[in-house]
Protein backbone atom coordinates (compact mmCIF):
# COMPACT_ATOMS: atom_id res chain seq x y z
CA MET A 1 -1.02 -11.46 1.44
CA ASP A 2 2.30 -13.04 0.57
CA VAL A 3 3.98 -11.54 -2.49
CA THR A 4 7.38 -11.79 -4.19
CA ASP A 5 7.49 -8.19 -5.48
CA LEU A 6 6.20 -5.54 -3.10
CA ARG A 7 6.33 -2.71 -5.65
CA LYS A 8 4.34 -4.72 -8.20
CA ALA A 9 1.82 -5.76 -5.53
CA LYS A 10 1.25 -2.18 -4.37
CA GLU A 11 0.80 -1.00 -7.96
CA PHE A 12 -1.69 -3.79 -8.67
CA TYR A 13 -3.89 -3.16 -5.62
CA MET A 14 -3.72 0.62 -6.01
CA ASP A 15 -4.53 0.53 -9.75
CA ILE A 16 -7.25 -2.13 -9.73
CA PHE A 17 -8.97 -1.31 -6.43
CA GLY A 18 -7.87 2.22 -5.61
CA PHE A 19 -6.31 1.18 -2.30
CA LYS A 20 -4.00 3.74 -0.69
CA VAL A 21 -0.65 2.99 0.96
CA LEU A 22 -0.87 3.53 4.72
CA PHE A 23 2.56 2.15 5.61
CA ASP A 24 5.59 1.13 3.61
CA TYR A 25 8.88 -0.19 4.98
CA LYS A 26 10.85 2.22 2.73
CA VAL A 27 9.03 5.28 4.06
CA ALA A 28 9.65 4.08 7.61
CA GLY A 29 13.37 3.73 6.85
CA LEU A 30 13.41 -0.03 7.50
CA PRO A 31 15.70 -2.42 5.60
CA ALA A 32 14.41 -3.97 2.37
CA GLU A 33 14.36 -7.44 3.95
CA ILE A 34 11.44 -6.29 6.12
CA GLY A 35 9.28 -5.99 3.01
CA TRP A 36 5.96 -4.96 4.55
CA ALA A 37 3.26 -2.57 3.38
CA GLU A 38 -0.27 -1.84 4.56
CA LEU A 39 -2.95 -0.59 2.21
CA SER A 40 -6.28 0.95 3.10
CA LEU A 41 -9.40 -0.82 1.90
CA PRO A 42 -12.61 1.09 1.13
CA PHE A 43 -14.26 -0.30 4.24
CA GLU A 44 -14.21 1.18 7.70
CA ASP A 45 -11.20 0.05 9.78
CA SER A 46 -9.96 -2.40 7.12
CA LYS A 47 -6.39 -2.90 5.91
CA LEU A 48 -4.58 -5.26 3.60
CA GLY A 49 -1.08 -6.29 4.62
CA LEU A 50 1.41 -7.16 1.90
CA ASN A 51 4.26 -9.36 3.09
CA LEU A 52 7.37 -9.70 0.93
CA LEU A 53 8.68 -13.25 1.12
CA GLN A 54 12.02 -14.38 -0.15
CA GLU A 55 12.15 -16.14 -3.51
CA GLY A 56 11.43 -19.84 -3.16
CA LYS A 57 9.65 -19.38 0.16
CA VAL A 58 6.34 -18.19 -1.26
CA GLN A 59 3.65 -20.78 -1.64
CA LYS A 60 1.82 -19.56 -4.73
CA GLY A 61 -1.78 -18.74 -3.95
CA SER A 62 -1.34 -18.88 -0.19
CA GLY A 63 -3.58 -15.85 0.45
CA ARG A 64 -7.29 -15.20 0.03
CA LEU A 65 -9.27 -11.99 0.13
CA SER A 66 -13.08 -11.83 -0.04
CA PHE A 67 -15.47 -8.97 -0.69
CA TYR A 68 -19.25 -8.72 -0.56
CA VAL A 69 -20.41 -6.38 -3.33
CA THR A 70 -23.89 -5.16 -4.16
CA ASP A 71 -23.48 -5.69 -7.92
CA VAL A 72 -21.23 -8.65 -8.60
CA ASN A 73 -21.82 -8.48 -12.36
CA ALA A 74 -20.68 -4.85 -12.56
CA VAL A 75 -17.54 -5.68 -10.56
CA LYS A 76 -16.83 -8.64 -12.83
CA ARG A 77 -17.18 -6.45 -15.93
CA TYR A 78 -14.83 -3.88 -14.37
CA VAL A 79 -12.21 -6.49 -13.47
CA GLU A 80 -12.38 -8.02 -16.95
CA SER A 81 -12.06 -4.52 -18.49
CA LYS A 82 -8.65 -4.40 -16.77
CA CYS A 83 -7.70 -7.57 -18.74
CA ILE A 84 -7.80 -9.73 -15.63
CA GLU A 85 -9.13 -13.24 -16.07
CA THR A 86 -12.02 -14.27 -13.85
CA LYS A 87 -13.54 -17.65 -13.07
CA ASP A 88 -16.66 -18.86 -11.35
CA VAL A 89 -16.42 -19.91 -7.71
CA PRO A 90 -16.51 -23.73 -7.66
CA ASP A 91 -18.53 -25.68 -5.13
CA GLY A 92 -16.64 -26.60 -1.98
CA TYR A 93 -15.85 -23.17 -0.55
CA ALA A 94 -17.98 -23.33 2.61
CA ALA A 95 -18.58 -19.60 3.05
CA ILE A 96 -19.52 -19.16 -0.61
CA ASP A 97 -21.72 -22.28 -0.59
CA ILE A 98 -23.62 -20.92 2.44
CA ALA A 99 -23.96 -17.49 0.81
CA ARG A 100 -25.36 -19.15 -2.32
CA SER A 101 -27.84 -21.40 -0.54
CA LYS A 102 -28.97 -19.01 2.19
CA TYR A 103 -28.92 -15.69 0.34
CA GLY A 104 -28.89 -16.61 -3.35
CA TYR A 105 -25.54 -14.90 -3.90
CA ASP A 106 -23.24 -15.62 -6.76
CA GLY A 107 -19.66 -14.66 -7.27
CA PHE A 108 -16.37 -14.99 -9.07
CA ILE A 109 -12.67 -15.33 -8.38
CA MET A 110 -9.74 -13.43 -9.78
CA LEU A 111 -6.05 -13.88 -9.02
CA ASP A 112 -3.55 -11.21 -8.12
CA PRO A 113 -0.15 -11.37 -9.89
CA PHE A 114 1.12 -13.72 -7.16
CA GLY A 115 -1.66 -16.30 -7.40
CA ASN A 116 -3.61 -15.11 -4.35
CA GLU A 117 -7.36 -15.60 -4.76
CA ILE A 118 -9.68 -12.60 -4.53
CA PHE A 119 -13.35 -13.52 -4.16
CA PHE A 120 -16.26 -11.25 -4.98
CA VAL A 121 -19.68 -12.38 -3.81
CA GLY A 122 -23.02 -10.61 -4.06
CA ASP A 123 -25.80 -9.70 -6.43
CA ASP A 124 -27.95 -6.73 -7.49
CA ILE A 125 -30.75 -7.26 -4.96
CA LYS A 126 -30.70 -5.26 -1.75
CA ASP A 127 -32.02 -7.22 1.23
CA SER A 128 -31.74 -6.05 4.82
CA ASN A 129 -31.24 -9.66 5.97
CA ARG A 130 -28.02 -9.94 4.01
CA PRO A 131 -24.65 -9.08 5.51
CA SER A 132 -22.70 -6.20 4.02
CA PHE A 133 -19.67 -4.05 4.69
CA LYS A 134 -20.08 -0.44 5.66
CA GLN A 135 -18.14 1.67 3.19
CA SER A 136 -16.20 4.54 4.61
CA GLU A 137 -16.37 7.94 2.98
């Protein structure tokens, strides 16, 4: 994900989602211009890379992150409890449209502080025919 403030981005993803920092350019002794961090996601073998771009070179909202969740309404309530605005996923996002029509999923979008979209899709019904992520312990 492209960001303009690496510290703020790490704080956001750690506070809201509980991600942990796996790698940070400062810890590795690299110059600040490198501006790279990797965070662990709560899914097996998954990472989120945060890329610091120079001011004026970031295209706002250039990144997207999607999660399947088993209780999309609970996640939405949690996100809103953190005073983060959410919005419904509009028609026209192919993956979401397929998930809606084939599996009956619903979802919502939130934005990180840099305008990157974070999608949450799912519902409360467990169905073995539906795809899901395996959560790591």
